[in-house]
Amino acid sequence: LFFYEGTVWYKKSFDYSKTQADNRVFLYIGAANYETDVYLNGQKL
């Protein structure tokens, strides 16, 4: 992939339990180059 320019799909599995039921959660991405589409559990974010 040294010279590769194009699309790569990434996938990560995880569990998550809120510390409080009514808390809110945000998926934060520090940077991804260049155009990024994000999906969680099959739904487009």
All heavy atoms as atom14 arrays in JSON, in Angstrom:
{
  "sequence": "LFFYEGTVWYKKSFDYSKTQADNRVFLYIGAANYETDVYLNGQKL",
  "atom14_mask": [
    [1, 1, 1, 1, 1, 1, 1, 1, 0, 0, 0, 0, 0, 0],
    [1, 1, 1, 1, 1, 1, 1, 1, 1, 1, 1, 0, 0, 0],
    [1, 1, 1, 1, 1, 1, 1, 1, 1, 1, 1, 0, 0, 0],
    [1, 1, 1, 1, 1, 1, 1, 1, 1, 1, 1, 1, 0, 0],
    [1, 1, 1, 1, 1, 1, 1, 1, 1, 0, 0, 0, 0, 0],
    [1, 1, 1, 1, 0, 0, 0, 0, 0, 0, 0, 0, 0, 0],
    [1, 1, 1, 1, 1, 1, 1, 0, 0, 0, 0, 0, 0, 0],
    [1, 1, 1, 1, 1, 1, 1, 0, 0, 0, 0, 0, 0, 0],
    [1, 1, 1, 1, 1, 1, 1, 1, 1, 1, 1, 1, 1, 1],
    [1, 1, 1, 1, 1, 1, 1, 1, 1, 1, 1, 1, 0, 0],
    [1, 1, 1, 1, 1, 1, 1, 1, 1, 0, 0, 0, 0, 0],
    [1, 1, 1, 1, 1, 1, 1, 1, 1, 0, 0, 0, 0, 0],
    [1, 1, 1, 1, 1, 1, 0, 0, 0, 0, 0, 0, 0, 0],
    [1, 1, 1, 1, 1, 1, 1, 1, 1, 1, 1, 0, 0, 0],
    [1, 1, 1, 1, 1, 1, 1, 1, 0, 0, 0, 0, 0, 0],
    [1, 1, 1, 1, 1, 1, 1, 1, 1, 1, 1, 1, 0, 0],
    [1, 1, 1, 1, 1, 1, 0, 0, 0, 0, 0, 0, 0, 0],
    [1, 1, 1, 1, 1, 1, 1, 1, 1, 0, 0, 0, 0, 0],
    [1, 1, 1, 1, 1, 1, 1, 0, 0, 0, 0, 0, 0, 0],
    [1, 1, 1, 1, 1, 1, 1, 1, 1, 0, 0, 0, 0, 0],
    [1, 1, 1, 1, 1, 0, 0, 0, 0, 0, 0, 0, 0, 0],
    [1, 1, 1, 1, 1, 1, 1, 1, 0, 0, 0, 0, 0, 0],
    [1, 1, 1, 1, 1, 1, 1, 1, 0, 0, 0, 0, 0, 0],
    [1, 1, 1, 1, 1, 1, 1, 1, 1, 1, 1, 0, 0, 0],
    [1, 1, 1, 1, 1, 1, 1, 0, 0, 0, 0, 0, 0, 0],
    [1, 1, 1, 1, 1, 1, 1, 1, 1, 1, 1, 0, 0, 0],
    [1, 1, 1, 1, 1, 1, 1, 1, 0, 0, 0, 0, 0, 0],
    [1, 1, 1, 1, 1, 1, 1, 1, 1, 1, 1, 1, 0, 0],
    [1, 1, 1, 1, 1, 1, 1, 1, 0, 0, 0, 0, 0, 0],
    [1, 1, 1, 1, 0, 0, 0, 0, 0, 0, 0, 0, 0, 0],
    [1, 1, 1, 1, 1, 0, 0, 0, 0, 0, 0, 0, 0, 0],
    [1, 1, 1, 1, 1, 0, 0, 0, 0, 0, 0, 0, 0, 0],
    [1, 1, 1, 1, 1, 1, 1, 1, 0, 0, 0, 0, 0, 0],
    [1, 1, 1, 1, 1, 1, 1, 1, 1, 1, 1, 1, 0, 0],
    [1, 1, 1, 1, 1, 1, 1, 1, 1, 0, 0, 0, 0, 0],
    [1, 1, 1, 1, 1, 1, 1, 0, 0, 0, 0, 0, 0, 0],
    [1, 1, 1, 1, 1, 1, 1, 1, 0, 0, 0, 0, 0, 0],
    [1, 1, 1, 1, 1, 1, 1, 0, 0, 0, 0, 0, 0, 0],
    [1, 1, 1, 1, 1, 1, 1, 1, 1, 1, 1, 1, 0, 0],
    [1, 1, 1, 1, 1, 1, 1, 1, 0, 0, 0, 0, 0, 0],
    [1, 1, 1, 1, 1, 1, 1, 1, 0, 0, 0, 0, 0, 0],
    [1, 1, 1, 1, 0, 0, 0, 0, 0, 0, 0, 0, 0, 0],
    [1, 1, 1, 1, 1, 1, 1, 1, 1, 0, 0, 0, 0, 0],
    [1, 1, 1, 1, 1, 1, 1, 1, 1, 0, 0, 0, 0, 0],
    [1, 1, 1, 1, 1, 1, 1, 1, 0, 0, 0, 0, 0, 0]
  ],
  "atom14_positions": [
    [[0.82, -1.22, 0.0], [0.0, 0.0, 0.0], [0.85, 1.26, 0.0], [0.33, 2.36, 0.21], [-0.93, 0.01, 1.23], [-1.92, -1.15, 1.33], [-2.73, -1.05, 2.62], [-2.85, -1.19, 0.12], [0.0, 0.0, 0.0], [0.0, 0.0, 0.0], [0.0, 0.0, 0.0], [0.0, 0.0, 0.0], [0.0, 0.0, 0.0], [0.0, 0.0, 0.0]],
    [[2.14, 1.13, -0.25], [3.06, 2.26, -0.14], [2.62, 3.43, -1.02], [2.63, 4.59, -0.6], [4.47, 1.8, -0.51], [5.53, 2.84, -0.35], [5.82, 3.38, 0.9], [6.25, 3.29, -1.45], [6.81, 4.33, 1.06], [7.26, 4.25, -1.3], [7.52, 4.77, -0.05], [0.0, 0.0, 0.0], [0.0, 0.0, 0.0], [0.0, 0.0, 0.0]],
    [[2.24, 3.14, -2.28], [1.81, 4.19, -3.2], [0.28, 4.25, -3.35], [-0.21, 5.02, -4.17], [2.42, 3.96, -4.59], [3.9, 4.24, -4.67], [4.81, 3.2, -4.67], [4.37, 5.54, -4.74], [6.18, 3.45, -4.77], [5.74, 5.79, -4.83], [6.64, 4.75, -4.84], [0.0, 0.0, 0.0], [0.0, 0.0, 0.0], [0.0, 0.0, 0.0]],
    [[-0.44, 3.47, -2.57], [-1.88, 3.33, -2.81], [-2.64, 4.61, -2.51], [-2.46, 5.24, -1.47], [-2.45, 2.18, -1.97], [-3.93, 1.96, -2.18], [-4.42, 1.48, -3.39], [-4.85, 2.25, -1.16], [-5.76, 1.28, -3.58], [-6.2, 2.05, -1.35], [-6.66, 1.57, -2.57], [-8.0, 1.37, -2.76], [0.0, 0.0, 0.0], [0.0, 0.0, 0.0]],
    [[-3.51, 4.98, -3.44], [-4.47, 6.07, -3.25], [-5.84, 5.55, -3.64], [-6.06, 5.17, -4.79], [-4.09, 7.29, -4.09], [-2.79, 7.95, -3.66], [-2.46, 9.17, -4.49], [-2.43, 9.05, -5.73], [-2.24, 10.24, -3.9], [0.0, 0.0, 0.0], [0.0, 0.0, 0.0], [0.0, 0.0, 0.0], [0.0, 0.0, 0.0], [0.0, 0.0, 0.0]],
    [[-6.73, 5.53, -2.7], [-8.06, 5.0, -2.95], [-8.76, 4.7, -1.65], [-8.46, 5.28, -0.6], [0.0, 0.0, 0.0], [0.0, 0.0, 0.0], [0.0, 0.0, 0.0], [0.0, 0.0, 0.0], [0.0, 0.0, 0.0], [0.0, 0.0, 0.0], [0.0, 0.0, 0.0], [0.0, 0.0, 0.0], [0.0, 0.0, 0.0], [0.0, 0.0, 0.0]],
    [[-9.7, 3.76, -1.69], [-10.54, 3.45, -0.54], [-10.02, 2.24, 0.22], [-9.65, 1.23, -0.37], [-11.99, 3.19, -0.99], [-12.59, 4.44, -1.36], [-12.82, 2.55, 0.11], [0.0, 0.0, 0.0], [0.0, 0.0, 0.0], [0.0, 0.0, 0.0], [0.0, 0.0, 0.0], [0.0, 0.0, 0.0], [0.0, 0.0, 0.0], [0.0, 0.0, 0.0]],
    [[-9.98, 2.38, 1.53], [-9.77, 1.27, 2.44], [-10.87, 1.32, 3.5], [-11.17, 2.37, 4.05], [-8.37, 1.35, 3.12], [-8.25, 0.3, 4.22], [-7.26, 1.16, 2.09], [0.0, 0.0, 0.0], [0.0, 0.0, 0.0], [0.0, 0.0, 0.0], [0.0, 0.0, 0.0], [0.0, 0.0, 0.0], [0.0, 0.0, 0.0], [0.0, 0.0, 0.0]],
    [[-11.48, 0.17, 3.75], [-12.51, 0.04, 4.79], [-11.87, -0.52, 6.07], [-11.13, -1.5, 6.02], [-13.61, -0.93, 4.35], [-14.4, -0.5, 3.15], [-14.03, -0.61, 1.84], [-15.71, 0.07, 3.16], [-15.02, -0.14, 1.03], [-16.07, 0.28, 1.81], [-16.62, 0.41, 4.16], [-17.3, 0.83, 1.44], [-17.84, 0.95, 3.8], [-18.18, 1.17, 2.45]],
    [[-12.19, 0.1, 7.2], [-11.71, -0.34, 8.5], [-12.89, -0.85, 9.33], [-13.98, -0.27, 9.27], [-11.08, 0.81, 9.28], [-9.76, 1.33, 8.79], [-9.69, 2.14, 7.65], [-8.59, 1.07, 9.48], [-8.47, 2.66, 7.22], [-7.37, 1.58, 9.07], [-7.32, 2.38, 7.93], [-6.12, 2.9, 7.52], [0.0, 0.0, 0.0], [0.0, 0.0, 0.0]],
    [[-12.63, -1.88, 10.14], [-13.69, -2.39, 11.01], [-13.13, -2.73, 12.39], [-12.07, -3.34, 12.52], [-14.33, -3.63, 10.4], [-15.47, -4.23, 11.24], [-15.06, -5.56, 11.82], [-16.17, -6.21, 12.62], [-15.74, -7.49, 13.22], [0.0, 0.0, 0.0], [0.0, 0.0, 0.0], [0.0, 0.0, 0.0], [0.0, 0.0, 0.0], [0.0, 0.0, 0.0]],
    [[-13.86, -2.29, 13.42], [-13.48, -2.57, 14.81], [-14.73, -3.0, 15.58], [-15.76, -2.35, 15.51], [-12.89, -1.31, 15.45], [-12.46, -1.47, 16.9], [-11.06, -2.03, 16.99], [-10.47, -1.87, 18.38], [-9.09, -2.41, 18.45], [0.0, 0.0, 0.0], [0.0, 0.0, 0.0], [0.0, 0.0, 0.0], [0.0, 0.0, 0.0], [0.0, 0.0, 0.0]],
    [[-14.62, -4.1, 16.32], [-15.71, -4.56, 17.19], [-15.4, -4.18, 18.64], [-14.24, -4.17, 19.05], [-15.87, -6.08, 17.09], [-16.23, -6.45, 15.77], [0.0, 0.0, 0.0], [0.0, 0.0, 0.0], [0.0, 0.0, 0.0], [0.0, 0.0, 0.0], [0.0, 0.0, 0.0], [0.0, 0.0, 0.0], [0.0, 0.0, 0.0], [0.0, 0.0, 0.0]],
    [[-16.45, -3.86, 19.41], [-16.24, -3.45, 20.79], [-17.55, -3.57, 21.58], [-18.65, -3.61, 21.0], [-15.73, -2.01, 20.86], [-16.7, -0.98, 20.32], [-17.58, -0.31, 21.18], [-16.76, -0.69, 18.97], [-18.47, 0.63, 20.7], [-17.65, 0.24, 18.47], [-18.51, 0.9, 19.33], [0.0, 0.0, 0.0], [0.0, 0.0, 0.0], [0.0, 0.0, 0.0]],
    [[-17.39, -3.62, 22.88], [-18.53, -3.55, 23.8], [-18.5, -2.2, 24.5], [-17.43, -1.59, 24.64], [-18.46, -4.67, 24.85], [-18.49, -6.05, 24.22], [-19.1, -6.19, 23.13], [-17.9, -6.97, 24.81], [0.0, 0.0, 0.0], [0.0, 0.0, 0.0], [0.0, 0.0, 0.0], [0.0, 0.0, 0.0], [0.0, 0.0, 0.0], [0.0, 0.0, 0.0]],
    [[-19.66, -1.73, 24.94], [-19.68, -0.46, 25.64], [-20.9, -0.37, 26.56], [-22.02, -0.59, 26.14], [-19.72, 0.72, 24.67], [-19.44, 2.04, 25.36], [-18.14, 2.47, 25.55], [-20.48, 2.82, 25.86], [-17.86, 3.65, 26.21], [-20.22, 4.01, 26.52], [-18.91, 4.43, 26.7], [-18.64, 5.59, 27.37], [0.0, 0.0, 0.0], [0.0, 0.0, 0.0]],
    [[-20.64, 0.02, 27.8], [-21.72, 0.26, 28.77], [-21.54, 1.66, 29.33], [-20.47, 2.01, 29.83], [-21.66, -0.76, 29.91], [-21.89, -2.07, 29.41], [0.0, 0.0, 0.0], [0.0, 0.0, 0.0], [0.0, 0.0, 0.0], [0.0, 0.0, 0.0], [0.0, 0.0, 0.0], [0.0, 0.0, 0.0], [0.0, 0.0, 0.0], [0.0, 0.0, 0.0]],
    [[-22.59, 2.46, 29.26], [-22.53, 3.81, 29.81], [-22.39, 3.75, 31.33], [-22.91, 2.84, 31.98], [-23.8, 4.59, 29.47], [-24.04, 4.83, 28.0], [-25.32, 5.63, 27.82], [-25.69, 5.82, 26.37], [-26.95, 6.58, 26.21], [0.0, 0.0, 0.0], [0.0, 0.0, 0.0], [0.0, 0.0, 0.0], [0.0, 0.0, 0.0], [0.0, 0.0, 0.0]],
    [[-21.73, 4.75, 31.87], [-21.6, 4.83, 33.33], [-22.9, 5.31, 33.97], [-23.14, 5.08, 35.16], [-20.46, 5.78, 33.73], [-20.72, 7.07, 33.18], [-19.13, 5.26, 33.2], [0.0, 0.0, 0.0], [0.0, 0.0, 0.0], [0.0, 0.0, 0.0], [0.0, 0.0, 0.0], [0.0, 0.0, 0.0], [0.0, 0.0, 0.0], [0.0, 0.0, 0.0]],
    [[-23.73, 5.99, 33.17], [-25.04, 6.44, 33.63], [-26.0, 6.36, 32.46], [-25.65, 6.74, 31.34], [-24.96, 7.87, 34.17], [-26.21, 8.34, 34.9], [-25.97, 9.66, 35.63], [-24.97, 9.8, 36.34], [-26.88, 10.59, 35.46], [0.0, 0.0, 0.0], [0.0, 0.0, 0.0], [0.0, 0.0, 0.0], [0.0, 0.0, 0.0], [0.0, 0.0, 0.0]],
    [[-27.21, 5.88, 32.7], [-28.11, 5.52, 31.62], [-28.43, 6.68, 30.68], [-28.56, 6.49, 29.46], [-29.41, 4.95, 32.19], [0.0, 0.0, 0.0], [0.0, 0.0, 0.0], [0.0, 0.0, 0.0], [0.0, 0.0, 0.0], [0.0, 0.0, 0.0], [0.0, 0.0, 0.0], [0.0, 0.0, 0.0], [0.0, 0.0, 0.0], [0.0, 0.0, 0.0]],
    [[-28.57, 7.9, 31.21], [-28.96, 9.02, 30.36], [-27.77, 9.81, 29.82], [-27.93, 10.87, 29.22], [-29.92, 9.96, 31.1], [-29.28, 10.63, 32.31], [-28.19, 10.19, 32.71], [-29.88, 11.58, 32.85], [0.0, 0.0, 0.0], [0.0, 0.0, 0.0], [0.0, 0.0, 0.0], [0.0, 0.0, 0.0], [0.0, 0.0, 0.0], [0.0, 0.0, 0.0]],
    [[-26.56, 9.31, 30.03], [-25.38, 9.97, 29.47], [-25.37, 9.89, 27.94], [-26.06, 9.06, 27.35], [-24.1, 9.35, 30.02], [-23.72, 9.92, 31.36], [-24.4, 10.8, 31.91], [-22.62, 9.43, 31.92], [0.0, 0.0, 0.0], [0.0, 0.0, 0.0], [0.0, 0.0, 0.0], [0.0, 0.0, 0.0], [0.0, 0.0, 0.0], [0.0, 0.0, 0.0]],
    [[-24.6, 10.76, 27.36], [-24.44, 10.78, 25.91], [-23.05, 10.28, 25.53], [-22.1, 10.38, 26.32], [-24.66, 12.2, 25.37], [-26.04, 12.73, 25.68], [-26.14, 14.22, 25.49], [-26.02, 14.61, 24.1], [-26.01, 15.88, 23.67], [-26.09, 16.87, 24.55], [-25.91, 16.15, 22.38], [0.0, 0.0, 0.0], [0.0, 0.0, 0.0], [0.0, 0.0, 0.0]],
    [[-22.92, 9.73, 24.32], [-21.65, 9.19, 23.85], [-21.39, 9.7, 22.43], [-22.3, 9.72, 21.6], [-21.64, 7.65, 23.87], [-20.28, 7.12, 23.44], [-21.99, 7.12, 25.26], [0.0, 0.0, 0.0], [0.0, 0.0, 0.0], [0.0, 0.0, 0.0], [0.0, 0.0, 0.0], [0.0, 0.0, 0.0], [0.0, 0.0, 0.0], [0.0, 0.0, 0.0]],
    [[-20.14, 10.08, 22.2], [-19.72, 10.58, 20.89], [-18.54, 9.76, 20.38], [-17.61, 9.45, 21.14], [-19.31, 12.05, 20.99], [-20.41, 12.98, 21.37], [-20.77, 13.15, 22.71], [-21.13, 13.68, 20.41], [-21.8, 14.0, 23.07], [-22.16, 14.53, 20.76], [-22.49, 14.7, 22.1], [0.0, 0.0, 0.0], [0.0, 0.0, 0.0], [0.0, 0.0, 0.0]],
    [[-18.59, 9.42, 19.1], [-17.44, 8.81, 18.44], [-16.58, 9.94, 17.91], [-17.01, 10.74, 17.06], [-17.9, 7.91, 17.29], [-16.79, 7.25, 16.45], [-15.95, 6.32, 17.3], [-17.38, 6.52, 15.25], [0.0, 0.0, 0.0], [0.0, 0.0, 0.0], [0.0, 0.0, 0.0], [0.0, 0.0, 0.0], [0.0, 0.0, 0.0], [0.0, 0.0, 0.0]],
    [[-15.34, 10.02, 18.42], [-14.42, 11.11, 18.1], [-13.24, 10.54, 17.32], [-12.6, 9.57, 17.76], [-13.94, 11.78, 19.39], [-12.97, 12.92, 19.21], [-13.42, 14.24, 19.12], [-11.59, 12.7, 19.13], [-12.53, 15.3, 18.96], [-10.7, 13.75, 18.97], [-11.18, 15.05, 18.89], [-10.3, 16.09, 18.74], [0.0, 0.0, 0.0], [0.0, 0.0, 0.0]],
    [[-12.96, 11.15, 16.17], [-11.87, 10.71, 15.31], [-10.92, 11.89, 15.14], [-11.3, 12.94, 14.6], [-12.4, 10.22, 13.96], [-13.36, 9.04, 14.17], [-11.25, 9.82, 13.03], [-14.14, 8.63, 12.93], [0.0, 0.0, 0.0], [0.0, 0.0, 0.0], [0.0, 0.0, 0.0], [0.0, 0.0, 0.0], [0.0, 0.0, 0.0], [0.0, 0.0, 0.0]],
    [[-9.67, 11.73, 15.59], [-8.72, 12.84, 15.55], [-8.39, 13.3, 14.16], [-8.2, 14.5, 13.92], [0.0, 0.0, 0.0], [0.0, 0.0, 0.0], [0.0, 0.0, 0.0], [0.0, 0.0, 0.0], [0.0, 0.0, 0.0], [0.0, 0.0, 0.0], [0.0, 0.0, 0.0], [0.0, 0.0, 0.0], [0.0, 0.0, 0.0], [0.0, 0.0, 0.0]],
    [[-8.33, 12.4, 13.2], [-8.16, 12.72, 11.78], [-8.16, 11.43, 10.98], [-7.7, 10.38, 11.46], [-6.87, 13.5, 11.51], [0.0, 0.0, 0.0], [0.0, 0.0, 0.0], [0.0, 0.0, 0.0], [0.0, 0.0, 0.0], [0.0, 0.0, 0.0], [0.0, 0.0, 0.0], [0.0, 0.0, 0.0], [0.0, 0.0, 0.0], [0.0, 0.0, 0.0]],
    [[-8.65, 11.52, 9.76], [-8.58, 10.43, 8.79], [-8.43, 11.08, 7.43], [-9.17, 12.02, 7.1], [-9.81, 9.54, 8.85], [0.0, 0.0, 0.0], [0.0, 0.0, 0.0], [0.0, 0.0, 0.0], [0.0, 0.0, 0.0], [0.0, 0.0, 0.0], [0.0, 0.0, 0.0], [0.0, 0.0, 0.0], [0.0, 0.0, 0.0], [0.0, 0.0, 0.0]],
    [[-7.52, 10.6, 6.62], [-7.21, 11.25, 5.36], [-7.72, 10.41, 4.17], [-7.27, 9.28, 3.98], [-5.69, 11.42, 5.22], [-5.32, 12.27, 4.03], [-5.99, 13.23, 3.71], [-4.24, 11.9, 3.34], [0.0, 0.0, 0.0], [0.0, 0.0, 0.0], [0.0, 0.0, 0.0], [0.0, 0.0, 0.0], [0.0, 0.0, 0.0], [0.0, 0.0, 0.0]],
    [[-8.7, 10.96, 3.39], [-9.07, 12.35, 3.31], [-10.6, 12.48, 3.45], [-11.1, 13.34, 4.15], [-8.57, 12.92, 1.97], [-9.13, 14.25, 1.55], [-8.68, 15.44, 2.14], [-10.11, 14.34, 0.57], [-9.2, 16.66, 1.76], [-10.62, 15.56, 0.2], [-10.17, 16.71, 0.79], [-10.67, 17.92, 0.4], [0.0, 0.0, 0.0], [0.0, 0.0, 0.0]],
    [[-11.32, 11.63, 2.72], [-12.79, 11.62, 2.77], [-13.24, 10.4, 3.53], [-12.86, 9.28, 3.19], [-13.37, 11.64, 1.35], [-14.87, 11.82, 1.3], [-15.38, 12.1, -0.1], [-14.74, 12.91, -0.81], [-16.41, 11.52, -0.49], [0.0, 0.0, 0.0], [0.0, 0.0, 0.0], [0.0, 0.0, 0.0], [0.0, 0.0, 0.0], [0.0, 0.0, 0.0]],
    [[-14.05, 10.62, 4.55], [-14.34, 9.55, 5.5], [-15.84, 9.38, 5.67], [-16.56, 10.35, 5.94], [-13.71, 9.87, 6.88], [-12.33, 10.17, 6.7], [-13.84, 8.69, 7.81], [0.0, 0.0, 0.0], [0.0, 0.0, 0.0], [0.0, 0.0, 0.0], [0.0, 0.0, 0.0], [0.0, 0.0, 0.0], [0.0, 0.0, 0.0], [0.0, 0.0, 0.0]],
    [[-16.31, 8.14, 5.51], [-17.71, 7.79, 5.79], [-17.71, 6.84, 6.98], [-16.94, 5.87, 7.02], [-18.35, 7.11, 4.58], [-18.46, 8.04, 3.39], [-19.48, 8.74, 3.27], [-17.52, 8.08, 2.57], [0.0, 0.0, 0.0], [0.0, 0.0, 0.0], [0.0, 0.0, 0.0], [0.0, 0.0, 0.0], [0.0, 0.0, 0.0], [0.0, 0.0, 0.0]],
    [[-18.6, 7.12, 7.94], [-18.56, 6.41, 9.22], [-19.9, 5.73, 9.47], [-20.96, 6.36, 9.33], [-18.22, 7.37, 10.37], [-18.07, 6.61, 11.67], [-16.94, 8.15, 10.07], [0.0, 0.0, 0.0], [0.0, 0.0, 0.0], [0.0, 0.0, 0.0], [0.0, 0.0, 0.0], [0.0, 0.0, 0.0], [0.0, 0.0, 0.0], [0.0, 0.0, 0.0]],
    [[-19.83, 4.46, 9.89], [-21.03, 3.65, 10.14], [-20.87, 2.94, 11.49], [-19.78, 2.49, 11.85], [-21.2, 2.58, 9.05], [-21.19, 3.11, 7.64], [-19.98, 3.35, 6.98], [-22.37, 3.37, 6.97], [-19.96, 3.83, 5.68], [-22.36, 3.86, 5.66], [-21.14, 4.09, 5.03], [-21.13, 4.56, 3.73], [0.0, 0.0, 0.0], [0.0, 0.0, 0.0]],
    [[-21.96, 2.86, 12.21], [-21.98, 2.12, 13.48], [-23.13, 1.14, 13.47], [-24.29, 1.53, 13.26], [-22.11, 3.08, 14.67], [-22.16, 2.42, 16.05], [-20.85, 1.67, 16.34], [-22.44, 3.44, 17.13], [0.0, 0.0, 0.0], [0.0, 0.0, 0.0], [0.0, 0.0, 0.0], [0.0, 0.0, 0.0], [0.0, 0.0, 0.0], [0.0, 0.0, 0.0]],
    [[-22.78, -0.13, 13.66], [-23.79, -1.21, 13.67], [-24.67, -1.16, 12.43], [-25.89, -1.36, 12.48], [-24.64, -1.12, 14.94], [-23.81, -1.35, 16.19], [-22.8, -2.05, 16.16], [-24.22, -0.75, 17.29], [0.0, 0.0, 0.0], [0.0, 0.0, 0.0], [0.0, 0.0, 0.0], [0.0, 0.0, 0.0], [0.0, 0.0, 0.0], [0.0, 0.0, 0.0]],
    [[-24.04, -0.86, 11.29], [-24.74, -0.87, 10.01], [-25.46, 0.41, 9.67], [-26.03, 0.51, 8.57], [0.0, 0.0, 0.0], [0.0, 0.0, 0.0], [0.0, 0.0, 0.0], [0.0, 0.0, 0.0], [0.0, 0.0, 0.0], [0.0, 0.0, 0.0], [0.0, 0.0, 0.0], [0.0, 0.0, 0.0], [0.0, 0.0, 0.0], [0.0, 0.0, 0.0]],
    [[-25.44, 1.42, 10.54], [-26.14, 2.68, 10.3], [-25.13, 3.79, 9.99], [-24.11, 3.91, 10.65], [-26.96, 3.07, 11.53], [-28.04, 2.07, 11.9], [-29.07, 1.9, 10.81], [-29.62, 2.88, 10.29], [-29.35, 0.65, 10.44], [0.0, 0.0, 0.0], [0.0, 0.0, 0.0], [0.0, 0.0, 0.0], [0.0, 0.0, 0.0], [0.0, 0.0, 0.0]],
    [[-25.44, 4.59, 8.97], [-24.56, 5.7, 8.59], [-24.62, 6.8, 9.64], [-25.69, 7.28, 10.0], [-24.99, 6.27, 7.23], [-24.15, 7.44, 6.71], [-22.8, 6.99, 6.23], [-21.98, 8.09, 5.56], [-22.35, 8.3, 4.16], [0.0, 0.0, 0.0], [0.0, 0.0, 0.0], [0.0, 0.0, 0.0], [0.0, 0.0, 0.0], [0.0, 0.0, 0.0]],
    [[-23.44, 7.18, 10.16], [-23.36, 8.3, 11.09], [-23.12, 9.6, 10.36], [-23.65, 10.65, 10.75], [-22.23, 8.07, 12.1], [-22.36, 6.86, 13.02], [-21.13, 6.76, 13.92], [-23.63, 6.93, 13.85], [0.0, 0.0, 0.0], [0.0, 0.0, 0.0], [0.0, 0.0, 0.0], [0.0, 0.0, 0.0], [0.0, 0.0, 0.0], [0.0, 0.0, 0.0]]
  ]
}
